[in-house]
N, C-alpha and C. Protein backbone atom coordinates (compact mmCIF):
# COMPACT_ATOMS: atom_id res chain seq x y z
N UNK A 1 178.79 113.89 66.17
CA UNK A 1 178.62 114.93 65.31
C UNK A 1 178.17 114.87 64.31
N UNK A 2 177.34 115.65 64.02
CA UNK A 2 176.55 115.61 62.31
C UNK A 2 177.05 116.05 61.44
N UNK A 3 177.26 115.88 60.27
CA UNK A 3 178.00 116.43 59.16
C UNK A 3 177.31 117.63 59.29
N UNK A 4 178.54 118.63 58.67
CA UNK A 4 178.26 120.01 58.41
C UNK A 4 177.21 120.39 57.20
N UNK A 5 176.42 121.10 57.66
CA UNK A 5 175.57 121.84 56.58
C UNK A 5 176.09 123.32 56.15
N UNK A 6 177.31 123.41 56.22
CA UNK A 6 178.02 124.95 55.96
C UNK A 6 178.65 124.59 54.38
N UNK A 7 178.61 125.74 53.66
CA UNK A 7 179.42 125.68 52.84
C UNK A 7 181.10 125.83 53.05
N UNK A 8 181.93 124.91 52.20
CA UNK A 8 183.13 124.87 52.40
C UNK A 8 183.90 125.73 51.51
N UNK A 9 185.22 126.38 51.84
CA UNK A 9 186.01 126.88 50.97
C UNK A 9 187.23 126.12 50.51
N UNK A 10 187.61 126.13 49.54
CA UNK A 10 189.07 125.82 49.18
C UNK A 10 189.59 126.85 48.30
N UNK A 11 190.35 127.47 49.12
CA UNK A 11 191.14 128.57 48.03
C UNK A 11 191.98 128.36 47.16
N UNK A 12 192.32 129.12 46.04
CA UNK A 12 193.14 128.99 44.91
C UNK A 12 194.70 128.22 45.43
N UNK A 13 195.14 129.28 46.67
CA UNK A 13 196.55 128.69 47.09
C UNK A 13 196.72 127.44 47.39
N UNK A 14 195.24 126.87 48.30
CA UNK A 14 195.43 125.55 48.61
C UNK A 14 195.22 124.43 47.37
N UNK A 15 194.36 125.06 46.63
CA UNK A 15 193.95 123.81 45.54
C UNK A 15 195.33 123.74 44.55
N UNK A 16 195.80 124.68 44.19
CA UNK A 16 197.08 124.30 43.44
C UNK A 16 198.43 124.53 43.99
N UNK A 17 198.45 123.89 45.29
CA UNK A 17 199.74 123.78 46.03
C UNK A 17 199.88 122.20 45.71
N UNK A 18 201.10 122.15 45.17
CA UNK A 18 201.51 120.72 44.80
C UNK A 18 202.05 120.08 46.02
N UNK A 19 202.37 120.47 47.02
CA UNK A 19 202.70 119.87 48.12
C UNK A 19 201.79 119.22 48.95
N UNK A 20 200.49 119.43 48.65
CA UNK A 20 199.21 118.91 49.12
C UNK A 20 198.68 117.65 48.26
N UNK A 21 198.40 116.39 49.05
CA UNK A 21 197.33 115.61 48.51
C UNK A 21 196.10 115.95 47.96
N UNK A 22 195.38 115.28 47.14
CA UNK A 22 193.99 115.72 47.01
C UNK A 22 193.22 115.31 48.32
N UNK A 23 193.89 114.44 49.05
CA UNK A 23 192.78 114.08 50.45
C UNK A 23 193.03 115.67 51.07
N UNK A 24 194.24 116.20 51.09
CA UNK A 24 194.63 117.12 52.03
C UNK A 24 193.85 118.53 51.60
N UNK A 25 193.84 118.64 50.42
CA UNK A 25 192.48 119.57 49.82
C UNK A 25 191.15 119.61 50.30
N UNK A 26 190.79 118.27 50.37
CA UNK A 26 189.06 117.89 50.77
C UNK A 26 189.35 118.56 52.41
N UNK A 27 190.36 117.73 53.16
CA UNK A 27 190.18 117.77 54.45
C UNK A 27 190.31 119.23 54.99
N UNK A 28 191.05 120.17 54.07
CA UNK A 28 190.96 121.66 54.20
C UNK A 28 189.66 122.09 54.43
N UNK A 29 189.02 121.82 53.20
CA UNK A 29 187.70 122.16 53.07
C UNK A 29 186.86 122.10 53.71
N UNK A 30 186.72 120.91 54.31
CA UNK A 30 185.82 120.48 55.42
C UNK A 30 186.47 121.00 56.72
N UNK A 31 187.17 121.46 56.96
CA UNK A 31 187.70 122.15 58.18
C UNK A 31 187.27 123.56 57.88
N UNK A 32 187.29 124.15 56.90
CA UNK A 32 186.76 125.47 56.51
C UNK A 32 185.28 125.43 56.94
N UNK A 33 184.45 124.34 56.63
CA UNK A 33 182.94 124.26 56.81
C UNK A 33 182.68 124.29 58.36
N UNK A 34 183.54 123.41 59.17
CA UNK A 34 183.54 122.95 60.60
C UNK A 34 183.78 124.59 61.22
N UNK A 35 184.59 125.39 60.41
CA UNK A 35 184.84 126.69 61.05
C UNK A 35 183.98 127.71 61.27
N UNK A 36 183.09 127.34 60.44
CA UNK A 36 181.69 128.22 60.06
C UNK A 36 180.81 128.57 61.66
N UNK A 37 180.91 127.55 62.37
CA UNK A 37 179.83 127.52 63.10
C UNK A 37 180.46 128.40 64.54
N UNK A 38 182.04 128.18 64.80
CA UNK A 38 182.21 128.76 66.03
C UNK A 38 183.69 129.74 65.58
N UNK A 39 184.18 129.67 64.24
CA UNK A 39 185.11 130.62 63.87
C UNK A 39 186.38 129.30 64.03
N UNK A 40 186.31 128.31 64.47
CA UNK A 40 187.29 127.43 64.77
C UNK A 40 186.89 125.85 64.51
N UNK A 41 187.57 125.05 64.04
CA UNK A 41 187.25 123.74 64.13
C UNK A 41 187.69 122.91 65.33
N UNK A 42 186.35 122.27 66.09
CA UNK A 42 186.86 121.20 66.95
C UNK A 42 186.83 119.56 66.91
N UNK A 43 186.67 119.24 65.66
CA UNK A 43 186.46 118.04 65.10
C UNK A 43 187.54 117.25 65.71
N UNK A 44 187.41 115.72 66.02
CA UNK A 44 188.61 115.09 66.49
C UNK A 44 188.99 114.23 65.24
N UNK A 45 190.04 113.35 65.21
CA UNK A 45 190.63 112.92 64.33
C UNK A 45 189.83 111.53 64.12
N UNK A 46 188.77 110.97 65.25
CA UNK A 46 187.86 110.04 65.20
C UNK A 46 186.83 110.52 64.19
N UNK A 47 186.52 111.75 64.31
CA UNK A 47 185.50 112.40 63.42
C UNK A 47 185.84 112.36 62.03
N UNK A 48 186.85 113.03 61.74
CA UNK A 48 187.49 113.14 60.25
C UNK A 48 187.56 111.68 59.84
N UNK A 49 187.84 110.52 60.45
CA UNK A 49 188.30 109.20 60.20
C UNK A 49 186.98 108.64 59.75
N UNK A 50 186.13 108.94 60.59
CA UNK A 50 184.48 108.14 60.14
C UNK A 50 183.85 108.97 59.11
N UNK A 51 184.26 110.04 58.94
CA UNK A 51 183.42 111.15 57.79
C UNK A 51 184.10 110.54 56.34
N UNK A 52 185.32 110.51 56.43
CA UNK A 52 186.22 110.14 54.99
C UNK A 52 186.65 108.58 55.02
N UNK A 53 186.05 107.54 55.76
CA UNK A 53 186.62 105.98 56.00
C UNK A 53 188.24 106.01 55.75
N UNK A 54 188.99 106.65 56.56
CA UNK A 54 190.33 106.92 56.79
C UNK A 54 190.69 106.60 57.89
N UNK A 55 192.10 106.13 58.13
CA UNK A 55 192.53 105.83 59.47
C UNK A 55 192.71 106.97 60.27
N UNK A 56 192.96 107.00 61.67
CA UNK A 56 193.11 108.13 62.38
C UNK A 56 194.69 108.66 62.17
N UNK A 57 195.39 107.40 61.82
CA UNK A 57 196.73 108.01 61.42
C UNK A 57 196.91 108.89 60.29
N UNK A 58 196.26 108.41 58.95
CA UNK A 58 196.16 109.08 57.96
C UNK A 58 195.64 110.69 58.43
N UNK A 59 194.54 110.73 59.20
CA UNK A 59 193.83 112.21 59.54
C UNK A 59 195.32 112.71 60.26
N UNK A 60 195.79 112.23 61.14
CA UNK A 60 196.94 112.81 61.78
C UNK A 60 197.85 113.55 60.91
N UNK A 61 198.31 112.64 60.10
CA UNK A 61 199.31 113.02 59.20
C UNK A 61 198.70 113.97 58.34
N UNK A 62 197.93 114.18 57.94
CA UNK A 62 197.31 114.84 56.92
C UNK A 62 196.75 116.37 57.56
N UNK A 63 196.46 116.34 58.98
CA UNK A 63 196.24 117.66 59.67
C UNK A 63 197.74 118.20 59.90
N UNK A 64 198.54 117.19 59.81
CA UNK A 64 200.14 117.77 60.27
C UNK A 64 200.75 118.54 58.92
N UNK A 65 200.66 117.96 57.87
CA UNK A 65 200.57 118.55 56.55
C UNK A 65 200.32 120.04 56.20
N UNK A 66 199.00 119.83 56.52
CA UNK A 66 198.10 121.27 56.55
C UNK A 66 198.88 122.03 57.39
N UNK A 67 199.24 121.93 58.62
CA UNK A 67 200.05 122.72 59.90
C UNK A 67 201.30 123.09 59.09
N UNK A 68 202.21 122.27 58.57
CA UNK A 68 203.12 122.37 58.22
C UNK A 68 203.39 123.20 57.24
N UNK A 69 202.48 123.38 56.47
CA UNK A 69 202.50 124.34 54.98
C UNK A 69 201.89 125.54 55.40
N UNK A 70 201.51 125.74 56.48
CA UNK A 70 200.72 126.87 56.93
C UNK A 70 199.49 127.28 56.85
N UNK A 71 198.49 126.09 56.31
CA UNK A 71 197.29 126.61 56.03
C UNK A 71 196.33 126.51 57.20
N UNK A 72 196.83 125.73 58.08
CA UNK A 72 196.03 125.77 59.48
C UNK A 72 196.77 125.95 60.58
N UNK A 73 196.13 126.32 61.67
CA UNK A 73 197.17 126.80 62.94
C UNK A 73 196.16 125.68 64.21
N UNK A 74 197.13 125.13 64.71
CA UNK A 74 196.37 124.18 65.86
C UNK A 74 196.72 124.52 67.30
N UNK A 75 195.46 124.64 67.96
CA UNK A 75 195.79 125.08 69.47
C UNK A 75 195.29 123.78 70.03
N UNK A 76 196.30 123.48 71.09
CA UNK A 76 195.74 121.94 71.70
C UNK A 76 195.84 122.35 73.32
N UNK A 77 194.54 122.15 73.81
CA UNK A 77 194.32 122.31 75.41
C UNK A 77 194.87 121.03 76.25
N UNK A 78 195.59 121.06 77.23
CA UNK A 78 195.86 119.76 77.98
C UNK A 78 195.29 120.14 79.34
N UNK A 79 195.31 118.61 80.46
CA UNK A 79 194.84 119.01 81.83
C UNK A 79 196.42 119.16 82.53
N UNK A 80 196.02 118.87 83.87
CA UNK A 80 197.42 119.33 84.46
C UNK A 80 198.21 118.08 84.42
N UNK A 81 197.64 116.70 84.04
CA UNK A 81 198.64 115.66 83.76
C UNK A 81 199.47 115.46 82.06
N UNK A 82 198.98 116.85 81.56
CA UNK A 82 199.21 116.61 80.04
C UNK A 82 198.44 116.07 79.07
N UNK A 83 197.22 115.27 79.36
CA UNK A 83 196.65 114.88 78.35
C UNK A 83 195.68 115.72 77.79
N UNK A 84 195.36 115.73 76.54
CA UNK A 84 194.63 116.55 75.49
C UNK A 84 193.31 116.53 76.16
N UNK A 85 192.67 117.70 76.10
CA UNK A 85 191.60 117.89 76.56
C UNK A 85 190.63 118.33 75.46
N UNK A 86 191.16 119.20 74.63
CA UNK A 86 190.35 119.75 73.56
C UNK A 86 191.55 120.40 72.10
N UNK A 87 191.06 120.57 71.30
CA UNK A 87 192.05 120.55 70.04
C UNK A 87 191.00 121.94 68.95
N UNK A 88 191.58 123.11 69.06
CA UNK A 88 190.90 124.19 68.23
C UNK A 88 191.88 124.11 66.85
N UNK A 89 191.10 123.99 65.90
CA UNK A 89 192.17 124.07 64.41
C UNK A 89 191.36 125.42 63.52
N UNK A 90 192.61 126.43 63.65
CA UNK A 90 192.07 127.91 62.81
C UNK A 90 192.43 127.76 61.48
N UNK A 91 191.71 128.28 60.85
CA UNK A 91 192.17 128.09 59.09
C UNK A 91 193.16 129.66 59.18
N UNK A 92 194.25 129.63 58.53
CA UNK A 92 195.00 130.89 58.27
C UNK A 92 194.58 131.66 57.28
N UNK A 93 194.07 132.93 57.62
CA UNK A 93 193.59 133.79 56.64
C UNK A 93 194.64 134.36 55.74
N UNK A 94 196.03 134.24 56.12
CA UNK A 94 196.72 134.69 55.18
C UNK A 94 198.05 133.41 54.87
N UNK A 95 197.21 132.08 54.29
CA UNK A 95 198.06 130.89 54.23
C UNK A 95 199.49 131.28 53.13
N UNK A 96 198.70 131.86 52.05
CA UNK A 96 200.24 131.84 51.30
C UNK A 96 201.38 132.23 51.86
N UNK A 97 200.99 133.91 52.35
CA UNK A 97 202.19 134.43 53.28
C UNK A 97 202.75 133.51 54.40
N UNK A 98 202.02 132.63 55.10
CA UNK A 98 202.58 131.64 56.04
C UNK A 98 203.34 130.71 55.61
N UNK A 99 202.95 130.28 54.20
CA UNK A 99 203.48 129.05 53.90
C UNK A 99 205.21 129.68 53.14
N UNK A 100 204.92 130.48 52.98
CA UNK A 100 206.47 131.06 52.05
C UNK A 100 207.80 131.61 53.05
């Protein structure tokens, strides 16, 4: 997957949220850029790990924090055996209300 050439967004509520690491804020911003194409982000943890030089474990944990704080919503699709076939990450339009 090539690097996105879209603008990213880092909203003030994310930027100043003390619960988030600087990397979580950067990852959120990248997710917003990838949402510009389809309305959601379908990048894998492998993709983000490669882009940012981080481990898949770090990416997974950071995505989890963004979901737990309400800034993103994750939709996982599974096959009949329960294996993950796709993941869509949606940026929450009302992140501050969702986090409170």
